[in-house]
Amino acid sequence: MRTAKIRFENKTAQEAHEFTIGFDGIDLVMAWYGAYWAGDEYQVTVDGQLVAADQNGERDHGEIEGADVLH
């Protein structure tokens, strides 16, 4: 299983959270983070690549370079 580093730069809380996860877990972790930190301003990167998120913190289903993420 291929893994990736997902990083949340939380500007509201002035802290970062980083996890190593399988590519198939990206959407689940983004949804969890968006719910847990609802209302905070943050950005998400996967292996250093900025990932677009909707207002709920869920991935905006764009491609993640080099990933086999299901849509």
Foldseek 3Di string as FASTA:
>chain_A
DDWKKKKKCFPQVRDMDIDIDALQCPQVVQLVVLVVVPPTDIWMDINRHTFDADNSRGTPPDDDPPDPYDD
